[in-house]
Amino acid sequence: MSSSGRKSAQPASSDHQIRAITLDGQKYSVSLRVTHDGVEYLGRLRFTDTSGMTYQDHGAIPGSTALDAVRRATEFGESEMAQRCYRALSEKRRFTRLRSATDEMINKIKHLNRVAIGLEKGMIDQTSGKRELDQVQAELLQIVRTLRVHAGVEDEEKK
């Protein structure tokens, strides 16, 4: 809450380290990206291999708070974590850098919309809300500037 008693906007997403796993001899760092859709918090597991490639599971992990979603993810056993990693690997994309930039942009747009609605409804302090709108817009423009660099660039095949 701000000093005026109004809420400040929530960040578009937050990343939380879960643990490391080894699957078929390959090590993955597992994190949970948590977003808020206006109703609940939704986490998606992200598996990053030692080369830095990240694969995202499409299954959501809901929570009443971001930390609730994180708690649920940390409670997954080895078998469930392996299944989710296999699912993420089976859906890997050829253009993950562009996809990551696009996903980040969509999350920023959702954040921008939440802040604008919060301002309109008087739920967010006008001064900090307008400053946040400016910040999110600047972040969006920065992402847009990177799209051309990522467009058409396929991920390298592992040998």
C-alpha atoms as a PDB file:
ATOM      1  CA  MET A   1       0.000   0.000   0.000  1.00  0.00           C
ATOM      2  CA  SER A   2       1.149   3.510  -0.695  1.00  0.00           C
ATOM      3  CA  SER A   3       1.049   6.334   1.822  1.00  0.00           C
ATOM      4  CA  SER A   4      -2.357   7.396   0.475  1.00  0.00           C
ATOM      5  CA  GLY A   5      -3.772   3.969   1.363  1.00  0.00           C
ATOM      6  CA  ARG A   6      -4.109   2.820  -2.239  1.00  0.00           C
ATOM      7  CA  LYS A   7      -2.481  -0.269  -3.659  1.00  0.00           C
ATOM      8  CA  SER A   8       0.514   0.009  -5.905  1.00  0.00           C
ATOM      9  CA  ALA A   9       0.473  -2.297  -8.925  1.00  0.00           C
ATOM     10  CA  GLN A  10       1.825  -5.843  -8.762  1.00  0.00           C
ATOM     11  CA  PRO A  11       4.868  -6.728 -10.893  1.00  0.00           C
ATOM     12  CA  ALA A  12       4.014  -8.423 -14.198  1.00  0.00           C
ATOM     13  CA  SER A  13       5.820 -11.607 -13.200  1.00  0.00           C
ATOM     14  CA  SER A  14       8.336 -12.938 -10.731  1.00  0.00           C
ATOM     15  CA  ASP A  15      10.808 -15.810 -11.017  1.00  0.00           C
ATOM     16  CA  HIS A  16      11.538 -18.205  -8.156  1.00  0.00           C
ATOM     17  CA  GLN A  17      14.257 -20.865  -8.001  1.00  0.00           C
ATOM     18  CA  ILE A  18      12.797 -24.265  -7.155  1.00  0.00           C
ATOM     19  CA  ARG A  19      15.676 -26.757  -7.377  1.00  0.00           C
ATOM     20  CA  ALA A  20      18.004 -28.568  -9.758  1.00  0.00           C
ATOM     21  CA  ILE A  21      17.150 -31.897 -11.347  1.00  0.00           C
ATOM     22  CA  THR A  22      18.988 -34.399 -13.531  1.00  0.00           C
ATOM     23  CA  LEU A  23      17.060 -36.083 -16.307  1.00  0.00           C
ATOM     24  CA  ASP A  24      18.637 -38.535 -18.747  1.00  0.00           C
ATOM     25  CA  GLY A  25      22.076 -37.343 -17.667  1.00  0.00           C
ATOM     26  CA  GLN A  26      21.262 -33.665 -18.356  1.00  0.00           C
ATOM     27  CA  LYS A  27      21.113 -31.172 -15.497  1.00  0.00           C
ATOM     28  CA  TYR A  28      18.342 -28.577 -15.386  1.00  0.00           C
ATOM     29  CA  SER A  29      17.832 -25.635 -13.105  1.00  0.00           C
ATOM     30  CA  VAL A  30      14.121 -25.457 -12.310  1.00  0.00           C
ATOM     31  CA  SER A  31      12.418 -22.135 -11.668  1.00  0.00           C
ATOM     32  CA  LEU A  32       8.822 -21.009 -11.462  1.00  0.00           C
ATOM     33  CA  ARG A  33       7.622 -17.902 -13.313  1.00  0.00           C
ATOM     34  CA  VAL A  34       4.579 -16.574 -11.485  1.00  0.00           C
ATOM     35  CA  THR A  35       2.094 -14.106 -12.979  1.00  0.00           C
ATOM     36  CA  HIS A  36      -1.168 -12.715 -11.644  1.00  0.00           C
ATOM     37  CA  ASP A  37      -4.170 -12.746 -13.967  1.00  0.00           C
ATOM     38  CA  GLY A  38      -6.302 -10.477 -11.802  1.00  0.00           C
ATOM     39  CA  VAL A  39      -7.933 -13.426 -10.032  1.00  0.00           C
ATOM     40  CA  GLU A  40      -5.191 -15.825  -9.021  1.00  0.00           C
ATOM     41  CA  TYR A  41      -1.469 -16.388  -9.276  1.00  0.00           C
ATOM     42  CA  LEU A  42      -0.330 -18.822 -11.971  1.00  0.00           C
ATOM     43  CA  GLY A  43       3.104 -20.389 -12.048  1.00  0.00           C
ATOM     44  CA  ARG A  44       4.796 -22.101 -14.984  1.00  0.00           C
ATOM     45  CA  LEU A  45       7.838 -24.286 -14.484  1.00  0.00           C
ATOM     46  CA  ARG A  46      10.907 -23.354 -16.524  1.00  0.00           C
ATOM     47  CA  PHE A  47      13.739 -25.844 -17.062  1.00  0.00           C
ATOM     48  CA  THR A  48      17.108 -24.324 -17.985  1.00  0.00           C
ATOM     49  CA  ASP A  49      19.875 -26.636 -19.177  1.00  0.00           C
ATOM     50  CA  THR A  50      23.601 -26.066 -18.686  1.00  0.00           C
ATOM     51  CA  SER A  51      23.891 -24.272 -22.053  1.00  0.00           C
ATOM     52  CA  GLY A  52      21.303 -21.711 -20.944  1.00  0.00           C
ATOM     53  CA  MET A  53      18.400 -22.970 -23.074  1.00  0.00           C
ATOM     54  CA  THR A  54      15.086 -22.678 -21.254  1.00  0.00           C
ATOM     55  CA  TYR A  55      12.036 -24.864 -21.830  1.00  0.00           C
ATOM     56  CA  GLN A  56       8.692 -23.888 -20.304  1.00  0.00           C
ATOM     57  CA  ASP A  57       6.028 -26.335 -19.204  1.00  0.00           C
ATOM     58  CA  HIS A  58       2.585 -25.249 -20.406  1.00  0.00           C
ATOM     59  CA  GLY A  59       0.843 -26.620 -17.305  1.00  0.00           C
ATOM     60  CA  ALA A  60      -0.081 -23.943 -14.769  1.00  0.00           C
ATOM     61  CA  ILE A  61       0.434 -24.172 -11.020  1.00  0.00           C
ATOM     62  CA  PRO A  62      -2.221 -21.989  -9.368  1.00  0.00           C
ATOM     63  CA  GLY A  63      -1.951 -20.305  -6.000  1.00  0.00           C
ATOM     64  CA  SER A  64      -3.806 -17.800  -3.870  1.00  0.00           C
ATOM     65  CA  THR A  65      -0.496 -15.897  -3.606  1.00  0.00           C
ATOM     66  CA  ALA A  66       2.779 -16.078  -5.521  1.00  0.00           C
ATOM     67  CA  LEU A  67       4.373 -17.863  -2.574  1.00  0.00           C
ATOM     68  CA  ASP A  68       1.507 -20.381  -2.506  1.00  0.00           C
ATOM     69  CA  ALA A  69       2.248 -21.305  -6.140  1.00  0.00           C
ATOM     70  CA  VAL A  70       5.964 -21.566  -5.281  1.00  0.00           C
ATOM     71  CA  ARG A  71       5.163 -23.799  -2.290  1.00  0.00           C
ATOM     72  CA  ARG A  72       3.103 -26.107  -4.506  1.00  0.00           C
ATOM     73  CA  ALA A  73       5.930 -26.363  -7.041  1.00  0.00           C
ATOM     74  CA  THR A  74       8.504 -27.184  -4.353  1.00  0.00           C
ATOM     75  CA  GLU A  75       6.251 -30.017  -3.146  1.00  0.00           C
ATOM     76  CA  PHE A  76       6.415 -31.836  -6.496  1.00  0.00           C
ATOM     77  CA  GLY A  77       8.115 -35.197  -6.214  1.00  0.00           C
ATOM     78  CA  GLU A  78      10.848 -36.405  -8.552  1.00  0.00           C
ATOM     79  CA  SER A  79       8.374 -38.241 -10.772  1.00  0.00           C
ATOM     80  CA  GLU A  80       6.027 -35.285 -11.275  1.00  0.00           C
ATOM     81  CA  MET A  81       8.931 -32.905 -11.877  1.00  0.00           C
ATOM     82  CA  ALA A  82      10.392 -35.322 -14.464  1.00  0.00           C
ATOM     83  CA  GLN A  83       7.016 -35.604 -16.245  1.00  0.00           C
ATOM     84  CA  ARG A  84       6.723 -31.819 -16.435  1.00  0.00           C
ATOM     85  CA  CYS A  85      10.280 -31.520 -17.736  1.00  0.00           C
ATOM     86  CA  TYR A  86       9.662 -34.146 -20.427  1.00  0.00           C
ATOM     87  CA  ARG A  87       6.491 -32.290 -21.433  1.00  0.00           C
ATOM     88  CA  ALA A  88       8.381 -28.993 -21.669  1.00  0.00           C
ATOM     89  CA  LEU A  89      11.155 -30.623 -23.726  1.00  0.00           C
ATOM     90  CA  SER A  90       8.670 -32.230 -26.097  1.00  0.00           C
ATOM     91  CA  GLU A  91       7.195 -28.845 -26.926  1.00  0.00           C
ATOM     92  CA  LYS A  92      10.423 -26.970 -27.445  1.00  0.00           C
ATOM     93  CA  ARG A  93      10.392 -24.323 -30.079  1.00  0.00           C
ATOM     94  CA  ARG A  94      12.889 -23.470 -32.789  1.00  0.00           C
ATOM     95  CA  PHE A  95      12.852 -19.733 -32.089  1.00  0.00           C
ATOM     96  CA  THR A  96      12.937 -19.563 -28.288  1.00  0.00           C
ATOM     97  CA  ARG A  97      14.627 -16.161 -28.056  1.00  0.00           C
ATOM     98  CA  LEU A  98      11.873 -14.548 -30.091  1.00  0.00           C
ATOM     99  CA  ARG A  99       9.245 -16.472 -28.153  1.00  0.00           C
ATOM    100  CA  SER A 100      10.749 -15.394 -24.819  1.00  0.00           C
ATOM    101  CA  ALA A 101      10.767 -11.760 -25.925  1.00  0.00           C
ATOM    102  CA  THR A 102       7.161 -12.099 -27.114  1.00  0.00           C
ATOM    103  CA  ASP A 103       6.070 -13.726 -23.839  1.00  0.00           C
ATOM    104  CA  GLU A 104       7.791 -10.978 -21.869  1.00  0.00           C
ATOM    105  CA  MET A 105       6.068  -8.349 -24.010  1.00  0.00           C
ATOM    106  CA  ILE A 106       2.637  -9.933 -23.446  1.00  0.00           C
ATOM    107  CA  ASN A 107       3.257  -9.994 -19.689  1.00  0.00           C
ATOM    108  CA  LYS A 108       4.250  -6.315 -19.761  1.00  0.00           C
ATOM    109  CA  ILE A 109       1.088  -5.452 -21.734  1.00  0.00           C
ATOM    110  CA  LYS A 110      -1.040  -7.269 -19.145  1.00  0.00           C
ATOM    111  CA  HIS A 111       0.784  -5.376 -16.399  1.00  0.00           C
ATOM    112  CA  LEU A 112       0.225  -2.073 -18.236  1.00  0.00           C
ATOM    113  CA  ASN A 113      -3.485  -2.845 -18.480  1.00  0.00           C
ATOM    114  CA  ARG A 114      -3.763  -3.774 -14.779  1.00  0.00           C
ATOM    115  CA  VAL A 115      -2.088  -0.520 -13.766  1.00  0.00           C
ATOM    116  CA  ALA A 116      -4.305   1.529 -16.098  1.00  0.00           C
ATOM    117  CA  ILE A 117      -7.459  -0.145 -14.738  1.00  0.00           C
ATOM    118  CA  GLY A 118      -6.238   0.338 -11.164  1.00  0.00           C
ATOM    119  CA  LEU A 119      -5.678   4.025 -11.862  1.00  0.00           C
ATOM    120  CA  GLU A 120      -9.077   4.381 -13.491  1.00  0.00           C
ATOM    121  CA  LYS A 121     -10.833   2.735 -10.535  1.00  0.00           C
ATOM    122  CA  GLY A 122      -8.841   4.704  -7.957  1.00  0.00           C
ATOM    123  CA  MET A 123      -7.201   1.587  -6.541  1.00  0.00           C
ATOM    124  CA  ILE A 124      -3.689   2.820  -7.324  1.00  0.00           C
ATOM    125  CA  ASP A 125      -2.112   6.089  -6.248  1.00  0.00           C
ATOM    126  CA  GLN A 126      -2.172   8.505  -9.217  1.00  0.00           C
ATOM    127  CA  THR A 127       1.452   9.645  -8.959  1.00  0.00           C
ATOM    128  CA  SER A 128       3.049   6.218  -8.526  1.00  0.00           C
ATOM    129  CA  GLY A 129       0.610   4.666 -11.023  1.00  0.00           C
ATOM    130  CA  LYS A 130       1.477   7.149 -13.763  1.00  0.00           C
ATOM    131  CA  ARG A 131       5.172   6.659 -13.036  1.00  0.00           C
ATOM    132  CA  GLU A 132       4.663   2.889 -13.301  1.00  0.00           C
ATOM    133  CA  LEU A 133       2.808   3.281 -16.625  1.00  0.00           C
ATOM    134  CA  ASP A 134       5.784   5.253 -17.960  1.00  0.00           C
ATOM    135  CA  GLN A 135       8.214   2.608 -16.711  1.00  0.00           C
ATOM    136  CA  VAL A 136       6.267  -0.301 -18.234  1.00  0.00           C
ATOM    137  CA  GLN A 137       5.945   1.571 -21.532  1.00  0.00           C
ATOM    138  CA  ALA A 138       9.723   2.136 -21.580  1.00  0.00           C
ATOM    139  CA  GLU A 139      10.286  -1.576 -20.878  1.00  0.00           C
ATOM    140  CA  LEU A 140       7.918  -2.500 -23.716  1.00  0.00           C
ATOM    141  CA  LEU A 141       9.772  -0.239 -26.128  1.00  0.00           C
ATOM    142  CA  GLN A 142      13.058  -1.852 -25.103  1.00  0.00           C
ATOM    143  CA  ILE A 143      11.632  -5.322 -25.825  1.00  0.00           C
ATOM    144  CA  VAL A 144      10.325  -4.150 -29.216  1.00  0.00           C
ATOM    145  CA  ARG A 145      13.821  -2.926 -30.081  1.00  0.00           C
ATOM    146  CA  THR A 146      15.166  -6.475 -29.548  1.00  0.00           C
ATOM    147  CA  LEU A 147      12.573  -8.254 -31.707  1.00  0.00           C
ATOM    148  CA  ARG A 148      14.409  -7.638 -34.968  1.00  0.00           C
ATOM    149  CA  VAL A 149      17.575  -9.171 -33.518  1.00  0.00           C
ATOM    150  CA  HIS A 150      15.701 -12.336 -32.505  1.00  0.00           C
ATOM    151  CA  ALA A 151      13.412 -12.698 -35.543  1.00  0.00           C
ATOM    152  CA  GLY A 152      14.331 -15.638 -37.778  1.00  0.00           C
ATOM    153  CA  VAL A 153      17.138 -16.805 -35.497  1.00  0.00           C
ATOM    154  CA  GLU A 154      16.742 -20.517 -34.836  1.00  0.00           C
ATOM    155  CA  ASP A 155      18.073 -22.154 -31.709  1.00  0.00           C
ATOM    156  CA  GLU A 156      21.279 -24.093 -32.155  1.00  0.00           C
ATOM    157  CA  GLU A 157      20.941 -27.846 -32.275  1.00  0.00           C
ATOM    158  CA  LYS A 158      22.804 -29.718 -29.558  1.00  0.00           C
ATOM    159  CA  LYS A 159      25.241 -32.264 -30.800  1.00  0.00           C
END
